[in-house]
């Protein structure tokens, strides 16, 4: 079984990932420690980037992922008892770009010096390529905001660039490699001379190639996570900011890079507008949580400061007399506006086959808002890494879709692996009837080779969700996960009927016309480090079909 899982995981990888993994593990680059390039004078305008949340609470205390910890010793930079993602954030230095960062300038300068003293070159979490890339960018942003790096920090920044230049994440690709390219562009513009030019050339080659691959025709990021979409959009805007700040740095690909970033930024802004709930925050499909990437509104404001405006030409919009369907055809998401109800339908592949690390087994799931109140929610994500809770949060039962025979629709395993995975089939949008339907083949690996098809039917004052399973199966359960602020009131005779009461008092009725209902206790994870109790309506199939009617006034 384990051999099959490994086979079905590895067979999707690109050769560069396989050979890159071997190279990454075996190769340790040597880095010259001698003279460093001169700094390039900034002759253009650096506009204020997205401001991060305050994370540095004292010279040695930090809050990341809703957890506060004390950096008491040099060993704590790599404390094995702390979560890896928390340690990554510690090494990012995001607080240098926080809204109130100027109040902690002395703390920041001392922390930079402490990091240099405590983290010898190439050792520990801080020298892994991704945190190195994030830290390099933040140190440079800090200087461009008017601060002065000590001479030893300038030298260390150049050494980080030299190290990253030889330590790129070809084995991971995706947003990691894009971040590596971005950091090399930053270093290549911040420093001057032949060595800096080499960093810049490699960074631009990576960044431009990856933008073409990673940004789909509808403007969405190919990993299908709204959170990572927002992160990559910020990367693009940061590159534009750097190009405007150093207009005197002329190189052959400058205009092409500017144009590509402006187009990608405009398309990604438009996509992000579609994938926002009325409360202003992102949809939580795949690995997505609030607070880790920049908020959509902050990205809109940053783009405006750079004169980048969203353009909406790459999504298709279909109207009928009640609803508006906005179809992100390449990403595979559909937004439906029906009065003051908004629904987001996941009819997408889980992501690019060779990078499914942020994918969940959530095919044919959906989210649903009434006004500014989220009603049916994706369970989100609270942690990365190994462990049963990470696996549970990625599993089908944590999403608003159908689980068959206790299996996940895509074989998610470890922290970031997927073996056999679901592919959507036969997507249909009937504007005249107000219907979206789609199937997927994720369960065809099971003995009965079942196919799950879901139909969403939008009506005036109502939504009907009908599920059908073709093929043999033993049991099937559909789930609707409710926002924790929602009050769930089942009928006196059971959970086949009931009322959903919104905080302001509005009511939504549910009626299971096929299947048997029950309520279960579960958790919602809107941010890393948060697990909030909520309820899930479970619809147990009694035959091949199950149907739930939601209605409101």
Protein backbone atom coordinates (compact mmCIF):
# COMPACT_ATOMS: atom_id res chain seq x y z
CA UNK A 1 0.00 0.00 0.00
CA UNK A 2 2.79 2.42 0.93
CA UNK A 3 4.71 1.56 -2.24
CA UNK A 4 1.61 2.31 -4.33
CA UNK A 5 1.13 5.61 -2.53
CA UNK A 6 4.73 6.61 -3.19
CA UNK A 7 4.42 5.58 -6.84
CA UNK A 8 1.24 7.60 -7.37
CA UNK A 9 2.89 10.59 -5.69
CA UNK A 10 6.20 10.50 -7.53
CA UNK A 11 4.85 9.73 -10.99
CA UNK A 12 3.41 13.24 -11.35
CA UNK A 13 6.68 15.03 -10.57
CA UNK A 14 8.80 16.76 -13.15
CA UNK A 15 12.31 15.34 -13.69
CA UNK A 16 13.82 18.58 -12.40
CA UNK A 17 12.06 17.99 -9.07
CA UNK A 18 13.42 14.45 -8.71
CA UNK A 19 16.98 15.30 -9.68
CA UNK A 20 16.69 18.62 -7.86
CA UNK A 21 15.84 16.83 -4.62
CA UNK A 22 18.94 14.65 -4.89
CA UNK A 23 21.07 17.70 -5.71
CA UNK A 24 19.56 19.74 -2.87
CA UNK A 25 20.27 17.03 -0.30
CA UNK A 26 23.77 16.16 -1.49
CA UNK A 27 25.18 19.49 -2.64
CA UNK A 28 26.46 22.10 -0.21
CA UNK A 29 27.49 25.26 -2.05
CA UNK A 30 30.65 27.12 -1.23
CA UNK A 31 30.20 30.87 -0.91
CA UNK A 32 32.88 33.51 -1.22
CA UNK A 33 33.14 35.60 1.94
CA UNK A 34 35.32 38.38 0.52
CA UNK A 35 34.52 41.81 -0.84
CA UNK A 36 30.90 42.67 -1.50
CA UNK A 37 29.27 44.72 -4.27
CA UNK A 38 28.63 48.40 -3.74
CA UNK A 39 25.12 49.62 -3.03
CA UNK A 40 23.16 51.11 -5.90
CA UNK A 41 21.76 54.58 -5.29
CA UNK A 42 17.98 54.77 -5.39
CA UNK A 43 16.99 57.52 -7.84
CA UNK A 44 13.28 56.76 -8.22
CA UNK A 45 10.36 56.68 -5.80
CA UNK A 46 9.85 53.78 -3.40
CA UNK A 47 6.18 53.66 -2.44
CA UNK A 48 5.06 52.16 0.85
CA UNK A 49 4.40 48.43 0.40
CA UNK A 50 1.79 46.34 2.23
CA UNK A 51 2.13 46.84 5.98
CA UNK A 52 2.33 43.64 8.02
CA UNK A 53 0.76 43.02 11.40
CA UNK A 54 2.92 43.79 14.42
CA UNK A 55 4.72 40.61 15.45
CA UNK A 56 7.59 41.84 17.64
CA UNK A 57 6.23 42.46 21.14
CA UNK A 58 9.57 43.13 22.85
CA UNK A 59 13.23 42.84 21.84
CA UNK A 60 12.96 39.07 22.32
CA UNK A 61 9.24 38.18 22.24
CA UNK A 62 7.29 37.45 19.08
CA UNK A 63 3.76 36.53 18.08
CA UNK A 64 3.22 34.42 14.97
CA UNK A 65 0.38 32.07 14.06
CA UNK A 66 -1.53 33.11 17.19
CA UNK A 67 1.27 31.92 19.47
CA UNK A 68 3.68 34.04 21.54
CA UNK A 69 7.17 32.75 22.29
CA UNK A 70 10.37 34.15 23.77
CA UNK A 71 13.65 34.09 21.82
CA UNK A 72 15.81 33.43 24.86
CA UNK A 73 18.97 32.00 23.30
CA UNK A 74 20.73 31.45 20.00
CA UNK A 75 19.40 27.88 19.98
CA UNK A 76 15.81 29.13 19.88
CA UNK A 77 16.16 30.18 16.25
CA UNK A 78 16.00 26.43 15.56
CA UNK A 79 14.13 25.23 18.64
CA UNK A 80 12.99 21.64 17.84
CA UNK A 81 10.00 22.02 20.17
CA UNK A 82 8.53 24.91 18.19
CA UNK A 83 6.48 24.53 15.04
CA UNK A 84 8.52 24.76 11.85
CA UNK A 85 6.21 27.36 10.30
CA UNK A 86 6.52 29.54 13.43
CA UNK A 87 10.31 29.37 13.13
CA UNK A 88 10.07 30.28 9.46
CA UNK A 89 8.12 33.42 10.38
CA UNK A 90 10.75 34.29 12.95
CA UNK A 91 13.40 34.21 10.21
CA UNK A 92 11.28 36.20 7.72
CA UNK A 93 11.62 39.54 9.60
CA UNK A 94 8.14 40.63 8.49
CA UNK A 95 7.91 43.00 11.44
CA UNK A 96 10.38 45.29 9.64
CA UNK A 97 7.51 46.19 7.32
CA UNK A 98 4.75 46.42 9.94
CA UNK A 99 2.53 49.51 10.02
CA UNK A 100 4.16 50.82 13.21
CA UNK A 101 7.67 49.54 12.45
CA UNK A 102 9.28 52.94 12.91
CA UNK A 103 8.55 52.70 16.65
CA UNK A 104 10.78 49.61 16.84
CA UNK A 105 13.70 50.73 14.68
CA UNK A 106 16.26 50.13 17.40
CA UNK A 107 14.78 46.71 18.18
CA UNK A 108 14.93 45.82 14.50
CA UNK A 109 18.53 46.89 14.11
CA UNK A 110 19.54 44.87 17.17
CA UNK A 111 17.55 41.86 15.94
CA UNK A 112 19.34 41.94 12.60
CA UNK A 113 22.68 41.95 14.39
CA UNK A 114 21.52 39.14 16.68
CA UNK A 115 20.40 37.05 13.70
CA UNK A 116 23.82 37.43 12.06
CA UNK A 117 25.60 36.42 15.25
CA UNK A 118 23.32 33.47 16.00
CA UNK A 119 22.94 32.00 12.50
CA UNK A 120 26.23 30.95 10.86
CA UNK A 121 26.09 30.72 7.09
CA UNK A 122 24.24 27.70 5.76
CA UNK A 123 23.10 26.40 9.14
CA UNK A 124 19.56 26.01 10.42
CA UNK A 125 16.07 27.04 9.33
CA UNK A 126 17.08 30.60 8.54
CA UNK A 127 19.34 29.57 5.69
CA UNK A 128 16.77 27.44 3.92
CA UNK A 129 16.01 29.09 0.56
CA UNK A 130 12.44 30.22 1.25
CA UNK A 131 13.04 32.07 4.55
CA UNK A 132 16.27 33.42 3.09
CA UNK A 133 14.29 34.85 0.18
CA UNK A 134 11.65 36.42 2.44
CA UNK A 135 14.26 37.88 4.80
CA UNK A 136 16.40 39.39 2.03
CA UNK A 137 13.36 41.19 0.65
CA UNK A 138 12.34 42.51 4.06
CA UNK A 139 15.82 43.77 4.92
CA UNK A 140 15.96 45.63 1.60
CA UNK A 141 12.46 47.07 2.08
CA UNK A 142 13.54 48.28 5.53
CA UNK A 143 16.48 50.17 4.02
CA UNK A 144 14.36 51.66 1.22
CA UNK A 145 11.93 52.90 3.87
CA UNK A 146 14.73 55.09 5.23
CA UNK A 147 16.62 52.89 7.67
CA UNK A 148 20.34 52.18 7.70
CA UNK A 149 21.75 48.66 7.73
CA UNK A 150 24.98 48.32 9.70
CA UNK A 151 28.00 47.50 7.50
CA UNK A 152 28.18 43.91 8.75
CA UNK A 153 24.49 43.45 7.88
CA UNK A 154 25.07 44.79 4.35
CA UNK A 155 27.90 42.27 3.98
CA UNK A 156 25.71 39.48 5.35
CA UNK A 157 22.89 40.40 2.96
CA UNK A 158 25.29 40.00 0.03
CA UNK A 159 26.39 36.63 1.40
CA UNK A 160 22.74 35.57 1.64
CA UNK A 161 22.31 36.50 -2.03
CA UNK A 162 25.40 34.50 -2.98
CA UNK A 163 24.12 31.51 -1.04
CA UNK A 164 20.60 31.70 -2.49
CA UNK A 165 22.03 32.04 -6.02
CA UNK A 166 23.43 28.51 -5.58
CA UNK A 167 20.56 27.08 -3.50
CA UNK A 168 17.39 27.56 -5.55
CA UNK A 169 14.33 25.40 -4.91
CA UNK A 170 14.05 23.58 -8.22
CA UNK A 171 12.90 20.50 -6.32
CA UNK A 172 9.82 22.37 -5.06
CA UNK A 173 9.07 24.90 -7.84
CA UNK A 174 5.80 26.85 -7.47
CA UNK A 175 5.58 29.85 -5.18
CA UNK A 176 8.89 28.89 -3.52
CA UNK A 177 10.91 29.21 -6.70
CA UNK A 178 9.07 32.43 -7.57
CA UNK A 179 10.08 33.84 -4.16
CA UNK A 180 13.70 32.83 -4.82
CA UNK A 181 13.66 34.69 -8.12
CA UNK A 182 12.09 37.75 -6.52
CA UNK A 183 14.80 37.90 -3.83
CA UNK A 184 17.56 37.72 -6.45
CA UNK A 185 15.93 40.57 -8.39
CA UNK A 186 15.76 42.64 -5.20
CA UNK A 187 19.43 41.95 -4.44
CA UNK A 188 20.45 42.59 -8.05
CA UNK A 189 18.82 46.04 -8.00
CA UNK A 190 19.86 46.94 -4.45
CA UNK A 191 23.53 46.15 -5.10
CA UNK A 192 25.61 47.34 -8.07
CA UNK A 193 28.27 45.74 -10.22
CA UNK A 194 28.83 42.54 -12.19
CA UNK A 195 27.96 40.14 -9.39
CA UNK A 196 24.69 41.94 -8.68
CA UNK A 197 23.93 41.88 -12.40
CA UNK A 198 24.30 38.08 -12.35
CA UNK A 199 21.86 37.80 -9.43
CA UNK A 200 19.40 40.04 -11.24
CA UNK A 201 19.64 38.13 -14.53
CA UNK A 202 19.02 34.78 -12.88
CA UNK A 203 16.18 36.20 -10.78
CA UNK A 204 14.48 37.75 -13.82
CA UNK A 205 14.82 34.56 -15.86
CA UNK A 206 13.17 32.57 -13.07
CA UNK A 207 10.49 35.16 -12.32
CA UNK A 208 9.39 35.74 -15.90
CA UNK A 209 9.29 32.05 -16.75
CA UNK A 210 7.41 31.18 -13.57
CA UNK A 211 4.86 33.96 -14.07
CA UNK A 212 3.98 32.48 -17.46
CA UNK A 213 3.60 29.04 -15.91
CA UNK A 214 1.97 29.94 -12.61
CA UNK A 215 -0.56 32.63 -13.57
CA UNK A 216 -3.44 31.06 -15.47
CA UNK A 217 -5.40 32.73 -18.25
CA UNK A 218 -8.20 33.76 -15.88
CA UNK A 219 -5.66 35.51 -13.61
CA UNK A 220 -5.59 32.85 -10.89
CA UNK A 221 -2.50 31.30 -9.35
CA UNK A 222 -2.13 27.69 -10.44
CA UNK A 223 -1.92 26.24 -6.92
CA UNK A 224 -5.62 27.21 -6.48
CA UNK A 225 -5.16 28.66 -2.99
CA UNK A 226 -6.56 32.20 -2.58
CA UNK A 227 -4.00 32.79 0.17
CA UNK A 228 -1.03 31.93 -2.04
CA UNK A 229 -2.63 33.85 -4.87
CA UNK A 230 -2.51 36.93 -2.63
CA UNK A 231 1.12 36.25 -1.70
CA UNK A 232 2.19 35.94 -5.34
CA UNK A 233 0.27 39.09 -6.23
CA UNK A 234 2.20 40.96 -3.55
CA UNK A 235 5.46 39.54 -4.98
CA UNK A 236 4.57 40.96 -8.39
CA UNK A 237 3.68 44.37 -6.98
CA UNK A 238 6.95 44.42 -5.01
CA UNK A 239 8.93 43.80 -8.20
CA UNK A 240 7.15 46.72 -9.87
CA UNK A 241 7.96 48.87 -6.85
CA UNK A 242 11.66 47.99 -7.11
CA UNK A 243 11.78 48.70 -10.83
CA UNK A 244 10.25 52.15 -10.23
CA UNK A 245 12.69 52.81 -7.38
CA UNK A 246 15.76 52.08 -9.55
CA UNK A 247 14.89 53.47 -13.01
CA UNK A 248 18.56 54.08 -13.81
CA UNK A 249 19.25 50.34 -13.78
CA UNK A 250 18.76 49.56 -17.47
CA UNK A 251 18.95 45.97 -18.72
CA UNK A 252 17.59 44.12 -21.79
CA UNK A 253 14.56 42.52 -20.11
CA UNK A 254 13.49 45.55 -18.10
CA UNK A 255 10.52 46.60 -20.24
CA UNK A 256 9.38 43.01 -20.76
CA UNK A 257 9.48 42.41 -17.00
CA UNK A 258 7.58 45.63 -16.31
CA UNK A 259 4.88 44.76 -18.84
CA UNK A 260 4.55 41.16 -17.68
CA UNK A 261 4.22 42.22 -14.03
CA UNK A 262 1.68 44.93 -14.85
CA UNK A 263 -0.50 42.53 -16.84
CA UNK A 264 -0.22 39.71 -14.31
CA UNK A 265 -0.90 42.10 -11.44
CA UNK A 266 -4.01 43.50 -13.12
CA UNK A 267 -5.36 40.03 -13.91
CA UNK A 268 -4.64 38.73 -10.41
CA UNK A 269 -6.38 41.71 -8.82
CA UNK A 270 -9.49 40.97 -10.86
CA UNK A 271 -9.39 37.29 -9.85
CA UNK A 272 -9.02 38.21 -6.18
CA UNK A 273 -12.07 40.47 -6.38
CA UNK A 274 -14.13 37.51 -7.57
CA UNK A 275 -12.81 35.21 -4.82
CA UNK A 276 -13.70 37.50 -1.91
CA UNK A 277 -16.72 37.05 0.31
CA UNK A 278 -18.87 40.13 1.02
CA UNK A 279 -16.99 40.44 4.35
CA UNK A 280 -13.94 41.41 2.26
CA UNK A 281 -11.83 38.34 3.02
CA UNK A 282 -10.76 35.44 0.83
CA UNK A 283 -12.45 32.12 0.20
CA UNK A 284 -10.70 29.38 2.21
CA UNK A 285 -10.24 26.72 -0.47
CA UNK A 286 -7.14 24.53 -0.19
CA UNK A 287 -4.39 25.82 2.13
CA UNK A 288 -5.84 29.23 2.90
CA UNK A 289 -6.21 31.23 6.10
CA UNK A 290 -6.69 34.83 7.08
CA UNK A 291 -3.76 36.88 8.34
CA UNK A 292 -0.85 35.10 6.65
CA UNK A 293 -0.98 36.83 3.27
CA UNK A 294 -1.88 40.48 2.83
CA UNK A 295 -5.58 41.30 3.01
CA UNK A 296 -7.27 41.91 -0.34
CA UNK A 297 -8.04 45.53 0.49
CA UNK A 298 -4.40 46.21 1.36
CA UNK A 299 -3.33 44.71 -1.96
CA UNK A 300 -5.86 46.87 -3.80
CA UNK A 301 -4.43 49.98 -2.12
CA UNK A 302 -0.83 48.96 -2.82
CA UNK A 303 -1.65 48.30 -6.48
CA UNK A 304 -3.30 51.71 -6.74
CA UNK A 305 -0.15 53.39 -5.39
CA UNK A 306 1.71 51.66 -8.24
CA UNK A 307 -0.96 52.61 -10.81
CA UNK A 308 -1.94 48.97 -11.37
CA UNK A 309 -5.67 48.58 -11.93
CA UNK A 310 -7.66 45.35 -12.11
CA UNK A 311 -8.97 44.29 -15.47
CA UNK A 312 -11.83 41.85 -15.74
CA UNK A 313 -11.51 40.53 -19.25
CA UNK A 314 -10.33 37.03 -18.36
CA UNK A 315 -13.31 35.62 -16.47
CA UNK A 316 -16.59 34.76 -18.15
CA UNK A 317 -19.83 36.06 -16.67
CA UNK A 318 -23.19 34.45 -17.37
CA UNK A 319 -26.47 36.02 -16.29
CA UNK A 320 -29.96 34.67 -15.87
CA UNK A 321 -32.99 36.40 -14.39
CA UNK A 322 -32.03 35.69 -10.77
CA UNK A 323 -28.29 35.10 -10.57
CA UNK A 324 -24.94 36.13 -11.95
CA UNK A 325 -22.40 33.35 -12.54
CA UNK A 326 -18.76 34.45 -12.67
CA UNK A 327 -16.72 31.57 -14.05
CA UNK A 328 -12.98 31.42 -13.51
CA UNK A 329 -12.63 28.84 -16.23
CA UNK A 330 -8.91 28.10 -15.97
CA UNK A 331 -8.70 27.98 -12.20
CA UNK A 332 -11.96 26.06 -11.91
CA UNK A 333 -13.98 28.19 -9.49
CA UNK A 334 -17.47 29.61 -9.97
CA UNK A 335 -18.96 32.51 -8.02
CA UNK A 336 -22.75 32.83 -7.95
CA UNK A 337 -24.45 36.06 -6.83
CA UNK A 338 -28.14 35.54 -6.10
CA UNK A 339 -29.61 38.59 -4.37
CA UNK A 340 -27.70 39.05 -1.12
CA UNK A 341 -26.54 35.42 -1.21
CA UNK A 342 -23.09 34.61 -2.60
CA UNK A 343 -21.76 31.10 -3.18
CA UNK A 344 -18.31 29.91 -4.30
CA UNK A 345 -18.20 26.53 -6.03
CA UNK A 346 -15.06 24.41 -6.23
CA UNK A 347 -15.17 22.58 -9.56
CA UNK A 348 -11.39 22.76 -9.93
CA UNK A 349 -8.53 20.30 -10.11
CA UNK A 350 -6.69 20.25 -6.80
CA UNK A 351 -3.77 22.14 -8.35
CA UNK A 352 -0.92 21.50 -10.78
CA UNK A 353 -0.17 17.78 -10.78
CA UNK A 354 3.49 18.25 -9.96
CA UNK A 355 2.88 20.67 -7.02
CA UNK A 356 -0.14 19.53 -4.99
CA UNK A 357 1.43 20.42 -1.64
CA UNK A 358 -1.25 22.97 -0.69
CA UNK A 359 -4.16 20.92 -2.01
CA UNK A 360 -7.03 19.55 0.05
CA UNK A 361 -9.38 16.68 -0.81
CA UNK A 362 -12.19 19.18 -1.39
CA UNK A 363 -13.42 18.63 -4.94
CA UNK A 364 -17.04 19.86 -5.38
CA UNK A 365 -16.98 21.69 -2.05
CA UNK A 366 -18.47 25.18 -1.72
CA UNK A 367 -18.79 28.20 0.57
CA UNK A 368 -21.89 30.32 1.10
CA UNK A 369 -22.52 33.81 2.52
CA UNK A 370 -25.73 35.69 3.27
CA UNK A 371 -25.00 39.40 3.20
CA UNK A 372 -21.71 39.89 5.03
CA UNK A 373 -22.21 36.78 7.15
CA UNK A 374 -20.50 33.54 6.18
CA UNK A 375 -22.91 30.65 6.62
CA UNK A 376 -21.39 27.49 5.11
CA UNK A 377 -17.61 27.58 5.50
CA UNK A 378 -14.60 25.64 4.37
CA UNK A 379 -12.84 24.38 7.47
CA UNK A 380 -9.63 26.27 6.64
CA UNK A 381 -6.18 25.35 7.92
CA UNK A 382 -4.47 25.90 11.27
CA UNK A 383 -1.16 24.14 10.81
CA UNK A 384 1.43 22.72 8.44
CA UNK A 385 3.86 19.86 8.94
CA UNK A 386 3.19 16.23 9.78
CA UNK A 387 0.53 14.94 12.12
CA UNK A 388 -3.02 13.65 12.27
CA UNK A 389 -4.62 17.09 12.62
CA UNK A 390 -2.98 18.37 9.44
CA UNK A 391 -4.18 15.25 7.61
CA UNK A 392 -7.70 15.69 9.02
CA UNK A 393 -7.89 19.32 7.90
CA UNK A 394 -6.88 18.34 4.37
CA UNK A 395 -9.30 15.42 4.26
CA UNK A 396 -12.68 15.30 2.55
CA UNK A 397 -14.64 15.14 5.82
CA UNK A 398 -13.41 18.64 6.70
CA UNK A 399 -15.05 20.09 3.57
CA UNK A 400 -18.52 20.69 2.21
CA UNK A 401 -18.63 17.76 -0.15
CA UNK A 402 -19.25 13.99 -0.15
CA UNK A 403 -17.04 11.35 1.46
CA UNK A 404 -17.45 7.80 0.12
CA UNK A 405 -16.60 4.69 2.13
CA UNK A 406 -14.61 6.74 4.62
CA UNK A 407 -12.02 7.66 1.99
CA UNK A 408 -10.71 11.03 0.80
CA UNK A 409 -11.55 12.10 -2.74
CA UNK A 410 -7.84 12.75 -3.29
CA UNK A 411 -5.21 10.75 -1.42
CA UNK A 412 -3.70 13.49 0.73
CA UNK A 413 -0.94 12.27 3.01
CA UNK A 414 2.05 13.48 5.03
CA UNK A 415 2.11 17.26 5.28
CA UNK A 416 2.14 18.21 1.62
CA UNK A 417 1.72 15.05 -0.45
CA UNK A 418 -1.03 13.77 -2.71
CA UNK A 419 -1.06 10.37 -4.45
CA UNK A 420 -4.09 9.60 -6.64
CA UNK A 421 -6.19 12.70 -7.05
CA UNK A 422 -9.64 13.77 -8.21
CA UNK A 423 -10.21 15.40 -11.58
CA UNK A 424 -13.45 17.32 -12.29
CA UNK A 425 -15.64 15.96 -15.08
CA UNK A 426 -18.42 17.33 -17.23
CA UNK A 427 -18.89 20.81 -15.80
CA UNK A 428 -22.19 22.31 -16.95
CA UNK A 429 -23.58 25.78 -16.32
CA UNK A 430 -27.19 26.29 -17.35
CA UNK A 431 -27.91 29.99 -16.95
CA UNK A 432 -31.55 29.66 -17.92
CA UNK A 433 -32.23 27.12 -15.16
CA UNK A 434 -29.79 28.62 -12.65
CA UNK A 435 -27.92 25.31 -12.37
CA UNK A 436 -24.23 24.38 -12.03
CA UNK A 437 -23.36 20.69 -12.09
CA UNK A 438 -20.08 18.81 -12.10
CA UNK A 439 -18.70 15.35 -11.33
CA UNK A 440 -15.28 14.02 -10.33
CA UNK A 441 -13.44 10.71 -10.61
CA UNK A 442 -11.51 10.75 -7.33
CA UNK A 443 -13.25 7.64 -6.00
CA UNK A 444 -12.82 5.48 -9.10
CA UNK A 445 -9.82 3.90 -7.38
CA UNK A 446 -12.26 2.21 -4.95
CA UNK A 447 -13.59 -1.29 -5.73
CA UNK A 448 -17.00 -0.08 -6.95
CA UNK A 449 -15.43 2.69 -9.07
CA UNK A 450 -18.00 5.29 -7.93
CA UNK A 451 -18.40 8.70 -9.55
CA UNK A 452 -19.73 11.61 -7.49
CA UNK A 453 -21.85 14.23 -9.27
CA UNK A 454 -23.16 17.38 -7.58
CA UNK A 455 -25.78 19.84 -8.78
CA UNK A 456 -26.32 23.31 -7.30
CA UNK A 457 -29.70 24.81 -8.26
CA UNK A 458 -30.13 28.51 -7.45
CA UNK A 459 -33.65 29.82 -7.06
CA UNK A 460 -35.28 32.95 -5.71
CA UNK A 461 -34.87 32.64 -1.94
CA UNK A 462 -33.29 29.22 -2.14
CA UNK A 463 -30.47 26.85 -3.00
CA UNK A 464 -30.87 23.15 -3.67
CA UNK A 465 -27.81 20.87 -3.50
CA UNK A 466 -28.30 17.44 -5.04
CA UNK A 467 -25.64 14.71 -4.93
CA UNK A 468 -25.65 11.49 -6.93
CA UNK A 469 -23.23 8.56 -6.83
CA UNK A 470 -22.91 6.21 -9.78
CA UNK A 471 -21.22 2.88 -9.14
CA UNK A 472 -21.07 0.62 -6.10
CA UNK A 473 -20.33 1.94 -2.62
CA UNK A 474 -21.07 0.92 0.97
CA UNK A 475 -21.71 4.31 2.59
CA UNK A 476 -21.55 7.97 1.72
CA UNK A 477 -21.81 11.13 3.80
CA UNK A 478 -22.17 14.72 2.63
CA UNK A 479 -21.33 17.55 5.02
CA UNK A 480 -22.16 21.23 5.42
CA UNK A 481 -19.87 23.01 7.90
CA UNK A 482 -21.41 26.10 9.51
CA UNK A 483 -19.74 29.28 10.67
CA UNK A 484 -19.33 29.28 14.48
CA UNK A 485 -21.45 32.45 14.82
CA UNK A 486 -24.43 30.64 13.29
CA UNK A 487 -27.04 29.07 15.58
CA UNK A 488 -28.23 25.65 14.41
CA UNK A 489 -31.73 24.59 15.47
CA UNK A 490 -32.82 21.11 14.31
CA UNK A 491 -36.52 20.23 14.25
CA UNK A 492 -38.04 18.43 17.21
CA UNK A 493 -38.23 15.16 15.29
CA UNK A 494 -34.60 15.12 14.12
CA UNK A 495 -32.03 16.76 11.90
CA UNK A 496 -33.69 16.16 8.54
CA UNK A 497 -35.16 19.64 8.95
CA UNK A 498 -34.12 22.67 10.90
CA UNK A 499 -33.31 26.35 11.01
CA UNK A 500 -30.05 28.24 10.66
CA UNK A 501 -30.22 31.51 12.61
CA UNK A 502 -27.78 34.25 11.61
CA UNK A 503 -26.41 36.62 14.27
CA UNK A 504 -28.71 39.47 13.17
CA UNK A 505 -31.72 37.15 13.42
CA UNK A 506 -32.28 36.21 9.80
CA UNK A 507 -33.32 32.59 9.30
CA UNK A 508 -32.44 29.97 6.71
CA UNK A 509 -34.33 26.68 6.70
CA UNK A 510 -32.88 23.36 5.65
CA UNK A 511 -34.76 20.29 4.53
CA UNK A 512 -33.12 16.99 3.62
CA UNK A 513 -35.43 15.43 1.04
CA UNK A 514 -33.25 12.39 0.41
CA UNK A 515 -30.87 11.01 3.00
CA UNK A 516 -30.75 11.10 6.79
CA UNK A 517 -29.43 14.10 8.71
CA UNK A 518 -27.37 14.41 11.88
CA UNK A 519 -25.29 17.13 13.52
CA UNK A 520 -21.68 16.72 14.59
CA UNK A 521 -19.18 18.85 16.48
CA UNK A 522 -16.11 19.92 14.54
CA UNK A 523 -13.73 22.89 14.28
CA UNK A 524 -13.15 25.86 11.99
CA UNK A 525 -9.65 27.20 11.33
CA UNK A 526 -9.77 30.72 9.85
CA UNK A 527 -6.16 31.45 10.88
CA UNK A 528 -3.04 29.46 11.57
CA UNK A 529 -3.01 28.47 15.22
CA UNK A 530 -6.80 28.81 15.64
CA UNK A 531 -9.33 26.02 16.11
CA UNK A 532 -12.85 27.31 16.81
CA UNK A 533 -15.69 24.89 17.64
CA UNK A 534 -18.49 24.77 15.07
CA UNK A 535 -21.14 22.38 13.82
CA UNK A 536 -21.51 20.26 10.72
CA UNK A 537 -24.72 18.95 9.19
CA UNK A 538 -24.10 15.41 7.97
CA UNK A 539 -26.29 13.95 5.23
CA UNK A 540 -26.11 10.15 5.24
CA UNK A 541 -27.05 8.58 1.92
CA UNK A 542 -29.89 6.06 2.05
CA UNK A 543 -29.57 5.30 -1.65
CA UNK A 544 -27.64 6.71 -4.58
CA UNK A 545 -28.86 10.27 -4.13
CA UNK A 546 -29.10 12.86 -1.40
CA UNK A 547 -30.64 16.31 -1.62
CA UNK A 548 -30.73 19.35 0.69
CA UNK A 549 -32.95 22.38 0.23
CA UNK A 550 -31.91 25.70 1.77
CA UNK A 551 -34.55 28.45 1.73
CA UNK A 552 -34.82 31.98 3.08
CA UNK A 553 -36.90 35.12 2.80
